[in-house]
Amino acid sequence: MDYCTKLVLFCACLLNFRNVSGVLEGEYEKQGLTSIPTDIDPDITNLNIWNNDLTSVQQSDFNDKYPYLIFIGMSKNEVSYIEDGCFRGTVLKTFSINNNQLTTIPDFSEVKNTMEKLKMTNNLIAKISSDEISYLSNMNTLMLNENPLVQLPDVTKFLPSLTNLDIQNTNLECCCPMIWLKRKPDSLVVEMDSEPCFNPPKWTTTPWDQISEAMLLQQECEIASYDWIPNGENSVKSLIKLVAGLSDAQEQNEQDDEVVSGDQSSGEVRSELAKEVLAGEARQHVRALNAIYFERFEESEAAKQENKDELHRLGLMKRLITSRLNNAAKQTTITDFFKQ
């Protein structure tokens, strides 16, 4: 390769980067790329690979290569797979992957202490479990708009830093577990449609402000709960917390039950509402456990033996929740329900 050719290639490489006030940006827009470039400056801070033909991201693309990388933009590609464990050794704060083909939230465990903004507009995400995002304690922005999203766990319980959530143009099913959207703190701004319910059909043209908490409490989900709660050990722990009453509702409702009035007190009303939501959640979990339980029993004998501990836990939890649910109807206060 002669000197002139080398000079041309060097200049072309420089065109992909620009340094502004200590921010080193790499621009790879509309270059027909099918994989992450290998000529990226190791001191890169902002990497834009928009509008290409990427389909996947591997650990080898980023791990232990770019210690100053804080922003990655991969919008308008065809990414459907991001390998778990990516981004190790970076200080990634913002990941923008709008207009791609992802069906799940990528694994950000290697950057869980730095990740702040996740933008996933217009992908193929239909469900999210708490396990996928609960470890991102510094997350302040989550954009899931224009996804076929049906249900979303109560993010206020495990994303304490979240201030912006976008769920516009999704397929939300408005039912009991979604009541948290009515109870969210003022610090969380939720962008949603004025008529956000894709299901049930009776509410598709009903404004959100006309759907009350009581209406949501009485509306069971058509989508089985095992489609959106996590399986395995974490789900068992969450069920134990549910039936044991280890929730924020316990303390509040014990205080409510102390309110005494000649008529039905507001505290008693809130207690009854809390009891209803717990019962609704319990019914959803029982159906989920039944589905998982029978699915396991349809497996081979070898699989049954391998999963016997899980089957035992599922059986115990199913009986415990069913018993608590039956007894709940006999209780007059939510405190009694928790004390079973």
C-alpha atoms as a PDB file:
ATOM      1  CA  MET A   1       0.000   0.000   0.000  1.00  0.00           C
ATOM      2  CA  ASP A   2       1.612   3.279  -1.118  1.00  0.00           C
ATOM      3  CA  TYR A   3       1.825   6.451   0.974  1.00  0.00           C
ATOM      4  CA  CYS A   4      -1.073   8.217  -0.778  1.00  0.00           C
ATOM      5  CA  THR A   5      -3.438   5.301  -0.200  1.00  0.00           C
ATOM      6  CA  LYS A   6      -2.526   5.179   3.480  1.00  0.00           C
ATOM      7  CA  LEU A   7      -3.089   8.913   3.771  1.00  0.00           C
ATOM      8  CA  VAL A   8      -6.521   8.661   2.173  1.00  0.00           C
ATOM      9  CA  LEU A   9      -7.550   5.820   4.511  1.00  0.00           C
ATOM     10  CA  PHE A  10      -6.261   7.741   7.527  1.00  0.00           C
ATOM     11  CA  CYS A  11      -8.242  10.844   6.586  1.00  0.00           C
ATOM     12  CA  ALA A  12     -11.358   8.767   5.983  1.00  0.00           C
ATOM     13  CA  CYS A  13     -10.993   7.266   9.453  1.00  0.00           C
ATOM     14  CA  LEU A  14     -10.644  10.714  10.997  1.00  0.00           C
ATOM     15  CA  LEU A  15     -13.913  11.770   9.417  1.00  0.00           C
ATOM     16  CA  ASN A  16     -15.684   9.249  11.642  1.00  0.00           C
ATOM     17  CA  PHE A  17     -14.545  11.077  14.774  1.00  0.00           C
ATOM     18  CA  ARG A  18     -14.689  14.596  16.137  1.00  0.00           C
ATOM     19  CA  ASN A  19     -13.458  15.917  19.458  1.00  0.00           C
ATOM     20  CA  VAL A  20     -15.504  18.708  21.006  1.00  0.00           C
ATOM     21  CA  SER A  21     -14.611  19.950  24.500  1.00  0.00           C
ATOM     22  CA  GLY A  22     -13.224  16.608  25.600  1.00  0.00           C
ATOM     23  CA  VAL A  23     -16.116  14.640  24.109  1.00  0.00           C
ATOM     24  CA  LEU A  24     -14.882  12.261  21.452  1.00  0.00           C
ATOM     25  CA  GLU A  25     -17.725  11.303  19.134  1.00  0.00           C
ATOM     26  CA  GLY A  26     -17.701   8.495  16.629  1.00  0.00           C
ATOM     27  CA  GLU A  27     -20.139   8.831  13.723  1.00  0.00           C
ATOM     28  CA  TYR A  28     -21.011   5.795  11.610  1.00  0.00           C
ATOM     29  CA  GLU A  29     -24.359   6.833  10.191  1.00  0.00           C
ATOM     30  CA  LYS A  30     -25.720   5.281   6.972  1.00  0.00           C
ATOM     31  CA  GLN A  31     -22.637   3.227   6.146  1.00  0.00           C
ATOM     32  CA  GLY A  32     -24.371  -0.106   5.524  1.00  0.00           C
ATOM     33  CA  LEU A  33     -22.609  -1.698   8.498  1.00  0.00           C
ATOM     34  CA  THR A  34     -23.596  -5.257   9.446  1.00  0.00           C
ATOM     35  CA  SER A  35     -21.374  -5.425  12.546  1.00  0.00           C
ATOM     36  CA  ILE A  36     -19.853  -3.052  15.088  1.00  0.00           C
ATOM     37  CA  PRO A  37     -16.783  -1.311  13.577  1.00  0.00           C
ATOM     38  CA  THR A  38     -13.369  -2.415  14.781  1.00  0.00           C
ATOM     39  CA  ASP A  39     -11.592   0.894  14.078  1.00  0.00           C
ATOM     40  CA  ILE A  40     -13.255   2.804  16.923  1.00  0.00           C
ATOM     41  CA  ASP A  41     -10.945   5.089  18.913  1.00  0.00           C
ATOM     42  CA  PRO A  42     -10.371   3.538  22.385  1.00  0.00           C
ATOM     43  CA  ASP A  43     -10.960   6.981  23.939  1.00  0.00           C
ATOM     44  CA  ILE A  44     -14.442   7.264  22.416  1.00  0.00           C
ATOM     45  CA  THR A  45     -17.144   8.783  24.640  1.00  0.00           C
ATOM     46  CA  ASN A  46     -20.149   8.997  22.295  1.00  0.00           C
ATOM     47  CA  LEU A  47     -20.720   6.357  19.636  1.00  0.00           C
ATOM     48  CA  ASN A  48     -23.404   6.768  16.953  1.00  0.00           C
ATOM     49  CA  ILE A  49     -24.080   3.813  14.641  1.00  0.00           C
ATOM     50  CA  TRP A  50     -27.484   4.935  13.405  1.00  0.00           C
ATOM     51  CA  ASN A  51     -29.266   3.791  10.297  1.00  0.00           C
ATOM     52  CA  ASN A  52     -27.195   0.771   9.387  1.00  0.00           C
ATOM     53  CA  ASP A  53     -27.855  -2.959   8.991  1.00  0.00           C
ATOM     54  CA  LEU A  54     -26.737  -4.281  12.367  1.00  0.00           C
ATOM     55  CA  THR A  55     -28.581  -7.394  13.573  1.00  0.00           C
ATOM     56  CA  SER A  56     -26.759  -8.312  16.781  1.00  0.00           C
ATOM     57  CA  VAL A  57     -24.315  -7.081  19.422  1.00  0.00           C
ATOM     58  CA  GLN A  58     -21.706  -9.389  20.985  1.00  0.00           C
ATOM     59  CA  GLN A  59     -19.565  -9.087  24.121  1.00  0.00           C
ATOM     60  CA  SER A  60     -16.482  -8.860  21.934  1.00  0.00           C
ATOM     61  CA  ASP A  61     -17.819  -5.670  20.356  1.00  0.00           C
ATOM     62  CA  PHE A  62     -17.468  -3.581  23.514  1.00  0.00           C
ATOM     63  CA  ASN A  63     -16.094  -5.447  26.515  1.00  0.00           C
ATOM     64  CA  ASP A  64     -12.903  -3.976  27.986  1.00  0.00           C
ATOM     65  CA  LYS A  65     -12.274  -1.736  24.977  1.00  0.00           C
ATOM     66  CA  TYR A  66     -13.743   1.704  25.640  1.00  0.00           C
ATOM     67  CA  PRO A  67     -13.284   2.916  29.245  1.00  0.00           C
ATOM     68  CA  TYR A  68     -14.749   6.392  28.573  1.00  0.00           C
ATOM     69  CA  LEU A  69     -17.803   5.338  26.577  1.00  0.00           C
ATOM     70  CA  ILE A  70     -20.948   6.954  28.026  1.00  0.00           C
ATOM     71  CA  PHE A  71     -23.354   7.000  25.054  1.00  0.00           C
ATOM     72  CA  ILE A  72     -24.278   4.448  22.397  1.00  0.00           C
ATOM     73  CA  GLY A  73     -26.783   5.212  19.660  1.00  0.00           C
ATOM     74  CA  MET A  74     -27.952   2.302  17.511  1.00  0.00           C
ATOM     75  CA  SER A  75     -31.335   3.521  16.309  1.00  0.00           C
ATOM     76  CA  LYS A  76     -32.684   2.484  12.906  1.00  0.00           C
ATOM     77  CA  ASN A  77     -30.927  -0.855  12.599  1.00  0.00           C
ATOM     78  CA  GLU A  78     -32.263  -4.431  12.613  1.00  0.00           C
ATOM     79  CA  VAL A  79     -30.880  -5.521  15.991  1.00  0.00           C
ATOM     80  CA  SER A  80     -32.784  -8.473  17.441  1.00  0.00           C
ATOM     81  CA  TYR A  81     -30.130  -9.878  19.793  1.00  0.00           C
ATOM     82  CA  ILE A  82     -27.714  -8.372  22.336  1.00  0.00           C
ATOM     83  CA  GLU A  83     -25.539 -10.898  24.115  1.00  0.00           C
ATOM     84  CA  ASP A  84     -25.748 -10.935  27.917  1.00  0.00           C
ATOM     85  CA  GLY A  85     -22.727  -9.418  29.650  1.00  0.00           C
ATOM     86  CA  CYS A  86     -22.056  -6.718  27.075  1.00  0.00           C
ATOM     87  CA  PHE A  87     -20.553  -3.284  27.804  1.00  0.00           C
ATOM     88  CA  ARG A  88     -18.149  -4.402  30.533  1.00  0.00           C
ATOM     89  CA  GLY A  89     -15.421  -1.856  31.146  1.00  0.00           C
ATOM     90  CA  THR A  90     -17.450   1.088  29.860  1.00  0.00           C
ATOM     91  CA  VAL A  91     -19.216   3.800  31.878  1.00  0.00           C
ATOM     92  CA  LEU A  92     -22.358   3.631  29.760  1.00  0.00           C
ATOM     93  CA  LYS A  93     -25.061   6.094  30.807  1.00  0.00           C
ATOM     94  CA  THR A  94     -27.349   6.269  27.776  1.00  0.00           C
ATOM     95  CA  PHE A  95     -28.292   3.504  25.382  1.00  0.00           C
ATOM     96  CA  SER A  96     -30.518   4.509  22.468  1.00  0.00           C
ATOM     97  CA  ILE A  97     -31.759   1.647  20.343  1.00  0.00           C
ATOM     98  CA  ASN A  98     -35.001   2.965  18.880  1.00  0.00           C
ATOM     99  CA  ASN A  99     -36.486   1.392  15.751  1.00  0.00           C
ATOM    100  CA  ASN A 100     -34.987  -2.075  16.021  1.00  0.00           C
ATOM    101  CA  GLN A 101     -36.265  -5.645  16.485  1.00  0.00           C
ATOM    102  CA  LEU A 102     -35.620  -6.384  20.157  1.00  0.00           C
ATOM    103  CA  THR A 103     -38.199  -8.441  22.053  1.00  0.00           C
ATOM    104  CA  THR A 104     -36.596  -8.149  25.511  1.00  0.00           C
ATOM    105  CA  ILE A 105     -34.716  -5.599  27.592  1.00  0.00           C
ATOM    106  CA  PRO A 106     -30.958  -6.076  27.080  1.00  0.00           C
ATOM    107  CA  ASP A 107     -28.755  -7.163  29.960  1.00  0.00           C
ATOM    108  CA  PHE A 108     -27.048  -4.122  31.496  1.00  0.00           C
ATOM    109  CA  SER A 109     -25.675  -5.851  34.579  1.00  0.00           C
ATOM    110  CA  GLU A 110     -22.114  -4.878  33.640  1.00  0.00           C
ATOM    111  CA  VAL A 111     -23.077  -1.183  33.723  1.00  0.00           C
ATOM    112  CA  LYS A 112     -25.818  -1.273  36.344  1.00  0.00           C
ATOM    113  CA  ASN A 113     -24.155   1.452  38.411  1.00  0.00           C
ATOM    114  CA  THR A 114     -23.863   3.940  35.541  1.00  0.00           C
ATOM    115  CA  MET A 115     -26.918   3.334  33.313  1.00  0.00           C
ATOM    116  CA  GLU A 116     -29.347   6.258  33.467  1.00  0.00           C
ATOM    117  CA  LYS A 117     -31.285   6.396  30.194  1.00  0.00           C
ATOM    118  CA  LEU A 118     -32.700   3.580  28.095  1.00  0.00           C
ATOM    119  CA  LYS A 119     -34.498   4.486  24.879  1.00  0.00           C
ATOM    120  CA  MET A 120     -36.236   1.583  23.138  1.00  0.00           C
ATOM    121  CA  THR A 121     -38.982   3.240  21.107  1.00  0.00           C
ATOM    122  CA  ASN A 122     -40.509   1.107  18.342  1.00  0.00           C
ATOM    123  CA  ASN A 123     -39.151  -2.343  19.073  1.00  0.00           C
ATOM    124  CA  LEU A 124     -41.070  -5.600  19.619  1.00  0.00           C
ATOM    125  CA  ILE A 125     -41.309  -5.692  23.405  1.00  0.00           C
ATOM    126  CA  ALA A 126     -44.603  -7.189  24.572  1.00  0.00           C
ATOM    127  CA  LYS A 127     -43.776  -7.995  28.180  1.00  0.00           C
ATOM    128  CA  ILE A 128     -41.262  -7.017  30.829  1.00  0.00           C
ATOM    129  CA  SER A 129     -40.502  -8.758  34.110  1.00  0.00           C
ATOM    130  CA  SER A 130     -39.128  -6.999  37.156  1.00  0.00           C
ATOM    131  CA  ASP A 131     -35.985  -9.134  36.899  1.00  0.00           C
ATOM    132  CA  GLU A 132     -35.058  -7.454  33.629  1.00  0.00           C
ATOM    133  CA  ILE A 133     -34.805  -3.941  35.039  1.00  0.00           C
ATOM    134  CA  SER A 134     -34.982  -4.018  38.851  1.00  0.00           C
ATOM    135  CA  TYR A 135     -31.191  -3.813  39.275  1.00  0.00           C
ATOM    136  CA  LEU A 136     -30.939  -0.485  37.394  1.00  0.00           C
ATOM    137  CA  SER A 137     -31.254   1.684  40.484  1.00  0.00           C
ATOM    138  CA  ASN A 138     -29.853   4.802  38.764  1.00  0.00           C
ATOM    139  CA  MET A 139     -32.188   4.652  35.777  1.00  0.00           C
ATOM    140  CA  ASN A 140     -34.026   7.976  35.371  1.00  0.00           C
ATOM    141  CA  THR A 141     -35.454   7.637  31.847  1.00  0.00           C
ATOM    142  CA  LEU A 142     -37.187   4.641  30.282  1.00  0.00           C
ATOM    143  CA  MET A 143     -38.769   4.999  26.839  1.00  0.00           C
ATOM    144  CA  LEU A 144     -40.925   2.065  25.745  1.00  0.00           C
ATOM    145  CA  ASN A 145     -43.375   3.876  23.514  1.00  0.00           C
ATOM    146  CA  GLU A 146     -44.513   2.289  20.242  1.00  0.00           C
ATOM    147  CA  ASN A 147     -43.925  -1.263  21.469  1.00  0.00           C
ATOM    148  CA  PRO A 148     -46.638  -3.961  21.620  1.00  0.00           C
ATOM    149  CA  LEU A 149     -46.324  -3.761  25.409  1.00  0.00           C
ATOM    150  CA  VAL A 150     -49.229  -5.395  27.237  1.00  0.00           C
ATOM    151  CA  GLN A 151     -48.306  -5.189  30.906  1.00  0.00           C
ATOM    152  CA  LEU A 152     -45.598  -3.454  32.901  1.00  0.00           C
ATOM    153  CA  PRO A 153     -44.541  -4.256  36.483  1.00  0.00           C
ATOM    154  CA  ASP A 154     -44.733  -1.574  39.152  1.00  0.00           C
ATOM    155  CA  VAL A 155     -41.462   0.212  38.377  1.00  0.00           C
ATOM    156  CA  THR A 156     -41.907   2.552  41.350  1.00  0.00           C
ATOM    157  CA  LYS A 157     -40.971  -0.340  43.635  1.00  0.00           C
ATOM    158  CA  PHE A 158     -37.511  -1.007  42.193  1.00  0.00           C
ATOM    159  CA  LEU A 159     -36.455   2.000  40.073  1.00  0.00           C
ATOM    160  CA  PRO A 160     -36.162   4.709  42.741  1.00  0.00           C
ATOM    161  CA  SER A 161     -34.443   7.191  40.415  1.00  0.00           C
ATOM    162  CA  LEU A 162     -36.958   6.928  37.585  1.00  0.00           C
ATOM    163  CA  THR A 163     -38.469  10.308  36.674  1.00  0.00           C
ATOM    164  CA  ASN A 164     -39.540   9.772  33.042  1.00  0.00           C
ATOM    165  CA  LEU A 165     -41.456   6.821  31.633  1.00  0.00           C
ATOM    166  CA  ASP A 166     -42.923   6.789  28.119  1.00  0.00           C
ATOM    167  CA  ILE A 167     -45.533   4.124  27.300  1.00  0.00           C
ATOM    168  CA  GLN A 168     -47.437   5.893  24.532  1.00  0.00           C
ATOM    169  CA  ASN A 169     -48.783   3.874  21.597  1.00  0.00           C
ATOM    170  CA  THR A 170     -48.577   0.497  23.325  1.00  0.00           C
ATOM    171  CA  ASN A 171     -51.046  -2.386  23.781  1.00  0.00           C
ATOM    172  CA  LEU A 172     -51.683  -1.895  27.484  1.00  0.00           C
ATOM    173  CA  GLU A 173     -54.129  -4.198  29.181  1.00  0.00           C
ATOM    174  CA  CYS A 174     -55.845  -2.168  31.873  1.00  0.00           C
ATOM    175  CA  CYS A 175     -56.482  -4.575  34.727  1.00  0.00           C
ATOM    176  CA  CYS A 176     -55.779  -5.065  38.406  1.00  0.00           C
ATOM    177  CA  PRO A 177     -51.927  -5.213  38.364  1.00  0.00           C
ATOM    178  CA  MET A 178     -51.762  -1.907  36.466  1.00  0.00           C
ATOM    179  CA  ILE A 179     -53.305   0.019  39.355  1.00  0.00           C
ATOM    180  CA  TRP A 180     -49.845   1.293  40.280  1.00  0.00           C
ATOM    181  CA  LEU A 181     -50.158   3.792  37.410  1.00  0.00           C
ATOM    182  CA  LYS A 182     -52.928   5.451  39.406  1.00  0.00           C
ATOM    183  CA  ARG A 183     -50.792   5.543  42.540  1.00  0.00           C
ATOM    184  CA  LYS A 184     -47.438   6.604  41.141  1.00  0.00           C
ATOM    185  CA  PRO A 185     -45.532   9.376  42.929  1.00  0.00           C
ATOM    186  CA  ASP A 186     -45.636  12.894  41.490  1.00  0.00           C
ATOM    187  CA  SER A 187     -41.886  12.680  40.894  1.00  0.00           C
ATOM    188  CA  LEU A 188     -42.508  10.171  38.102  1.00  0.00           C
ATOM    189  CA  VAL A 189     -43.766  11.668  34.847  1.00  0.00           C
ATOM    190  CA  VAL A 190     -45.539   9.040  32.735  1.00  0.00           C
ATOM    191  CA  GLU A 191     -46.192   9.788  29.089  1.00  0.00           C
ATOM    192  CA  MET A 192     -49.218   7.744  28.025  1.00  0.00           C
ATOM    193  CA  ASP A 193     -52.136   8.064  25.652  1.00  0.00           C
ATOM    194  CA  SER A 194     -55.281   9.812  26.851  1.00  0.00           C
ATOM    195  CA  GLU A 195     -57.100   6.551  26.021  1.00  0.00           C
ATOM    196  CA  PRO A 196     -54.324   4.050  26.769  1.00  0.00           C
ATOM    197  CA  CYS A 197     -56.244   0.776  27.112  1.00  0.00           C
ATOM    198  CA  PHE A 198     -55.846  -1.698  24.255  1.00  0.00           C
ATOM    199  CA  ASN A 199     -57.725  -4.211  26.412  1.00  0.00           C
ATOM    200  CA  PRO A 200     -60.354  -4.812  27.678  1.00  0.00           C
ATOM    201  CA  PRO A 201     -62.358  -3.791  24.580  1.00  0.00           C
ATOM    202  CA  LYS A 202     -64.915  -1.930  26.690  1.00  0.00           C
ATOM    203  CA  TRP A 203     -62.244   0.620  27.657  1.00  0.00           C
ATOM    204  CA  THR A 204     -60.486   1.201  24.339  1.00  0.00           C
ATOM    205  CA  THR A 205     -62.162   4.593  23.946  1.00  0.00           C
ATOM    206  CA  THR A 206     -62.340   5.436  27.653  1.00  0.00           C
ATOM    207  CA  PRO A 207     -60.068   8.272  28.853  1.00  0.00           C
ATOM    208  CA  TRP A 208     -57.611   7.212  31.541  1.00  0.00           C
ATOM    209  CA  ASP A 209     -58.893   9.828  33.961  1.00  0.00           C
ATOM    210  CA  GLN A 210     -62.331   8.187  33.782  1.00  0.00           C
ATOM    211  CA  ILE A 211     -60.997   4.768  34.822  1.00  0.00           C
ATOM    212  CA  SER A 212     -60.959   4.639  38.605  1.00  0.00           C
ATOM    213  CA  GLU A 213     -58.883   2.512  40.953  1.00  0.00           C
ATOM    214  CA  ALA A 214     -62.009   0.599  41.890  1.00  0.00           C
ATOM    215  CA  MET A 215     -62.655  -0.217  38.212  1.00  0.00           C
ATOM    216  CA  LEU A 216     -59.114  -1.525  37.777  1.00  0.00           C
ATOM    217  CA  LEU A 217     -59.378  -3.593  40.947  1.00  0.00           C
ATOM    218  CA  GLN A 218     -62.439  -5.348  39.616  1.00  0.00           C
ATOM    219  CA  GLN A 219     -60.936  -5.992  36.182  1.00  0.00           C
ATOM    220  CA  GLU A 220     -59.067  -9.277  35.929  1.00  0.00           C
ATOM    221  CA  CYS A 221     -56.397  -9.668  33.291  1.00  0.00           C
ATOM    222  CA  GLU A 222     -57.165 -11.550  30.101  1.00  0.00           C
ATOM    223  CA  ILE A 223     -53.455 -12.136  29.524  1.00  0.00           C
ATOM    224  CA  ALA A 224     -52.362 -14.888  31.916  1.00  0.00           C
ATOM    225  CA  SER A 225     -50.119 -13.563  34.642  1.00  0.00           C
ATOM    226  CA  TYR A 226     -47.370 -16.073  33.882  1.00  0.00           C
ATOM    227  CA  ASP A 227     -46.804 -14.062  30.710  1.00  0.00           C
ATOM    228  CA  TRP A 228     -45.494 -11.125  32.715  1.00  0.00           C
ATOM    229  CA  ILE A 229     -44.320 -12.217  36.187  1.00  0.00           C
ATOM    230  CA  PRO A 230     -40.875 -13.841  36.377  1.00  0.00           C
ATOM    231  CA  ASN A 231     -40.554 -17.577  36.871  1.00  0.00           C
ATOM    232  CA  GLY A 232     -38.119 -19.336  39.137  1.00  0.00           C
ATOM    233  CA  GLU A 233     -36.742 -18.381  42.511  1.00  0.00           C
ATOM    234  CA  ASN A 234     -37.517 -14.657  42.276  1.00  0.00           C
ATOM    235  CA  SER A 235     -41.184 -15.287  41.518  1.00  0.00           C
ATOM    236  CA  VAL A 236     -41.431 -17.641  44.486  1.00  0.00           C
ATOM    237  CA  LYS A 237     -39.936 -14.943  46.706  1.00  0.00           C
ATOM    238  CA  SER A 238     -42.389 -12.377  45.384  1.00  0.00           C
ATOM    239  CA  LEU A 239     -45.284 -14.734  46.058  1.00  0.00           C
ATOM    240  CA  ILE A 240     -44.051 -15.347  49.585  1.00  0.00           C
ATOM    241  CA  LYS A 241     -43.982 -11.586  50.124  1.00  0.00           C
ATOM    242  CA  LEU A 242     -47.498 -11.340  48.736  1.00  0.00           C
ATOM    243  CA  VAL A 243     -49.079 -13.933  50.992  1.00  0.00           C
ATOM    244  CA  ALA A 244     -47.043 -12.902  54.034  1.00  0.00           C
ATOM    245  CA  GLY A 245     -48.168  -9.321  53.627  1.00  0.00           C
ATOM    246  CA  LEU A 246     -44.664  -7.937  53.249  1.00  0.00           C
ATOM    247  CA  SER A 247     -45.712  -4.970  51.153  1.00  0.00           C
ATOM    248  CA  ASP A 248     -46.022  -1.257  51.550  1.00  0.00           C
ATOM    249  CA  ALA A 249     -49.754  -1.713  51.928  1.00  0.00           C
ATOM    250  CA  GLN A 250     -49.381  -3.496  55.254  1.00  0.00           C
ATOM    251  CA  GLU A 251     -48.198  -0.571  57.346  1.00  0.00           C
ATOM    252  CA  GLN A 252     -50.548   1.906  55.714  1.00  0.00           C
ATOM    253  CA  ASN A 253     -53.579  -0.300  56.073  1.00  0.00           C
ATOM    254  CA  GLU A 254     -52.850  -1.173  59.680  1.00  0.00           C
ATOM    255  CA  GLN A 255     -53.047   2.563  60.303  1.00  0.00           C
ATOM    256  CA  ASP A 256     -56.227   2.792  58.247  1.00  0.00           C
ATOM    257  CA  ASP A 257     -57.868   0.046  60.293  1.00  0.00           C
ATOM    258  CA  GLU A 258     -57.399   2.156  63.422  1.00  0.00           C
ATOM    259  CA  VAL A 259     -59.646   4.877  62.001  1.00  0.00           C
ATOM    260  CA  VAL A 260     -63.003   4.672  63.755  1.00  0.00           C
ATOM    261  CA  SER A 261     -66.207   6.328  62.631  1.00  0.00           C
ATOM    262  CA  GLY A 262     -69.946   5.899  63.018  1.00  0.00           C
ATOM    263  CA  ASP A 263     -70.187   5.315  59.275  1.00  0.00           C
ATOM    264  CA  GLN A 264     -67.767   3.396  57.105  1.00  0.00           C
ATOM    265  CA  SER A 265     -64.492   5.284  57.469  1.00  0.00           C
ATOM    266  CA  SER A 266     -62.190   6.243  54.618  1.00  0.00           C
ATOM    267  CA  GLY A 267     -59.631   3.982  56.269  1.00  0.00           C
ATOM    268  CA  GLU A 268     -61.968   1.016  56.031  1.00  0.00           C
ATOM    269  CA  VAL A 269     -62.657   1.828  52.395  1.00  0.00           C
ATOM    270  CA  ARG A 270     -58.934   1.883  51.643  1.00  0.00           C
ATOM    271  CA  SER A 271     -58.541  -1.372  53.578  1.00  0.00           C
ATOM    272  CA  GLU A 272     -61.214  -3.031  51.503  1.00  0.00           C
ATOM    273  CA  LEU A 273     -59.600  -1.735  48.301  1.00  0.00           C
ATOM    274  CA  ALA A 274     -56.230  -3.044  49.434  1.00  0.00           C
ATOM    275  CA  LYS A 275     -57.786  -6.401  50.248  1.00  0.00           C
ATOM    276  CA  GLU A 276     -59.354  -6.522  46.799  1.00  0.00           C
ATOM    277  CA  VAL A 277     -56.104  -5.786  45.012  1.00  0.00           C
ATOM    278  CA  LEU A 278     -54.282  -8.438  47.043  1.00  0.00           C
ATOM    279  CA  ALA A 279     -57.008 -10.948  46.307  1.00  0.00           C
ATOM    280  CA  GLY A 280     -56.886 -10.016  42.623  1.00  0.00           C
ATOM    281  CA  GLU A 281     -53.121 -10.451  42.542  1.00  0.00           C
ATOM    282  CA  ALA A 282     -53.447 -13.747  44.377  1.00  0.00           C
ATOM    283  CA  ARG A 283     -55.940 -15.068  41.845  1.00  0.00           C
ATOM    284  CA  GLN A 284     -53.574 -14.082  39.029  1.00  0.00           C
ATOM    285  CA  HIS A 285     -50.664 -15.836  40.761  1.00  0.00           C
ATOM    286  CA  VAL A 286     -52.705 -18.989  41.369  1.00  0.00           C
ATOM    287  CA  ARG A 287     -53.504 -19.192  37.657  1.00  0.00           C
ATOM    288  CA  ALA A 288     -49.837 -18.621  36.857  1.00  0.00           C
ATOM    289  CA  LEU A 289     -48.748 -21.330  39.269  1.00  0.00           C
ATOM    290  CA  ASN A 290     -51.309 -23.749  37.885  1.00  0.00           C
ATOM    291  CA  ALA A 291     -50.022 -23.166  34.358  1.00  0.00           C
ATOM    292  CA  ILE A 292     -46.378 -23.569  35.355  1.00  0.00           C
ATOM    293  CA  TYR A 293     -47.187 -26.545  37.605  1.00  0.00           C
ATOM    294  CA  PHE A 294     -49.025 -28.538  34.941  1.00  0.00           C
ATOM    295  CA  GLU A 295     -46.471 -27.578  32.303  1.00  0.00           C
ATOM    296  CA  ARG A 296     -43.765 -29.134  34.458  1.00  0.00           C
ATOM    297  CA  PHE A 297     -45.796 -32.318  34.963  1.00  0.00           C
ATOM    298  CA  GLU A 298     -46.087 -32.725  31.192  1.00  0.00           C
ATOM    299  CA  GLU A 299     -42.321 -32.967  30.975  1.00  0.00           C
ATOM    300  CA  SER A 300     -40.401 -36.231  30.827  1.00  0.00           C
ATOM    301  CA  GLU A 301     -39.711 -38.247  33.972  1.00  0.00           C
ATOM    302  CA  ALA A 302     -36.078 -37.113  33.894  1.00  0.00           C
ATOM    303  CA  ALA A 303     -37.170 -33.481  33.739  1.00  0.00           C
ATOM    304  CA  LYS A 304     -39.573 -34.063  36.616  1.00  0.00           C
ATOM    305  CA  GLN A 305     -36.754 -35.405  38.751  1.00  0.00           C
ATOM    306  CA  GLU A 306     -34.524 -32.478  37.810  1.00  0.00           C
ATOM    307  CA  ASN A 307     -37.258 -29.999  38.706  1.00  0.00           C
ATOM    308  CA  LYS A 308     -38.669 -31.794  41.736  1.00  0.00           C
ATOM    309  CA  ASP A 309     -37.606 -29.057  44.164  1.00  0.00           C
ATOM    310  CA  GLU A 310     -39.300 -26.413  42.034  1.00  0.00           C
ATOM    311  CA  LEU A 311     -42.420 -28.570  41.701  1.00  0.00           C
ATOM    312  CA  HIS A 312     -42.533 -28.968  45.454  1.00  0.00           C
ATOM    313  CA  ARG A 313     -42.235 -25.196  45.998  1.00  0.00           C
ATOM    314  CA  LEU A 314     -44.895 -24.497  43.378  1.00  0.00           C
ATOM    315  CA  GLY A 315     -47.262 -26.975  44.981  1.00  0.00           C
ATOM    316  CA  LEU A 316     -46.748 -25.498  48.433  1.00  0.00           C
ATOM    317  CA  MET A 317     -47.192 -21.947  47.186  1.00  0.00           C
ATOM    318  CA  LYS A 318     -50.328 -22.853  45.254  1.00  0.00           C
ATOM    319  CA  ARG A 319     -51.929 -24.409  48.326  1.00  0.00           C
ATOM    320  CA  LEU A 320     -50.823 -21.551  50.581  1.00  0.00           C
ATOM    321  CA  ILE A 321     -52.127 -18.797  48.317  1.00  0.00           C
ATOM    322  CA  THR A 322     -55.394 -20.625  47.691  1.00  0.00           C
ATOM    323  CA  SER A 323     -55.891 -21.089  51.428  1.00  0.00           C
ATOM    324  CA  ARG A 324     -55.123 -17.445  52.161  1.00  0.00           C
ATOM    325  CA  LEU A 325     -57.412 -16.333  49.359  1.00  0.00           C
ATOM    326  CA  ASN A 326     -60.297 -18.404  50.695  1.00  0.00           C
ATOM    327  CA  ASN A 327     -59.752 -17.157  54.225  1.00  0.00           C
ATOM    328  CA  ALA A 328     -59.451 -13.538  53.089  1.00  0.00           C
ATOM    329  CA  ALA A 329     -63.146 -13.406  52.298  1.00  0.00           C
ATOM    330  CA  LYS A 330     -63.902 -14.089  55.974  1.00  0.00           C
ATOM    331  CA  GLN A 331     -61.722 -11.265  57.286  1.00  0.00           C
ATOM    332  CA  THR A 332     -63.143  -7.859  58.094  1.00  0.00           C
ATOM    333  CA  THR A 333     -59.906  -5.888  57.852  1.00  0.00           C
ATOM    334  CA  ILE A 334     -56.736  -6.031  55.833  1.00  0.00           C
ATOM    335  CA  THR A 335     -54.775  -6.424  59.076  1.00  0.00           C
ATOM    336  CA  ASP A 336     -56.600  -9.696  59.725  1.00  0.00           C
ATOM    337  CA  PHE A 337     -55.682 -10.824  56.236  1.00  0.00           C
ATOM    338  CA  PHE A 338     -52.001 -10.100  56.843  1.00  0.00           C
ATOM    339  CA  LYS A 339     -52.052 -11.838  60.231  1.00  0.00           C
ATOM    340  CA  GLN A 340     -53.309 -15.179  58.898  1.00  0.00           C
END
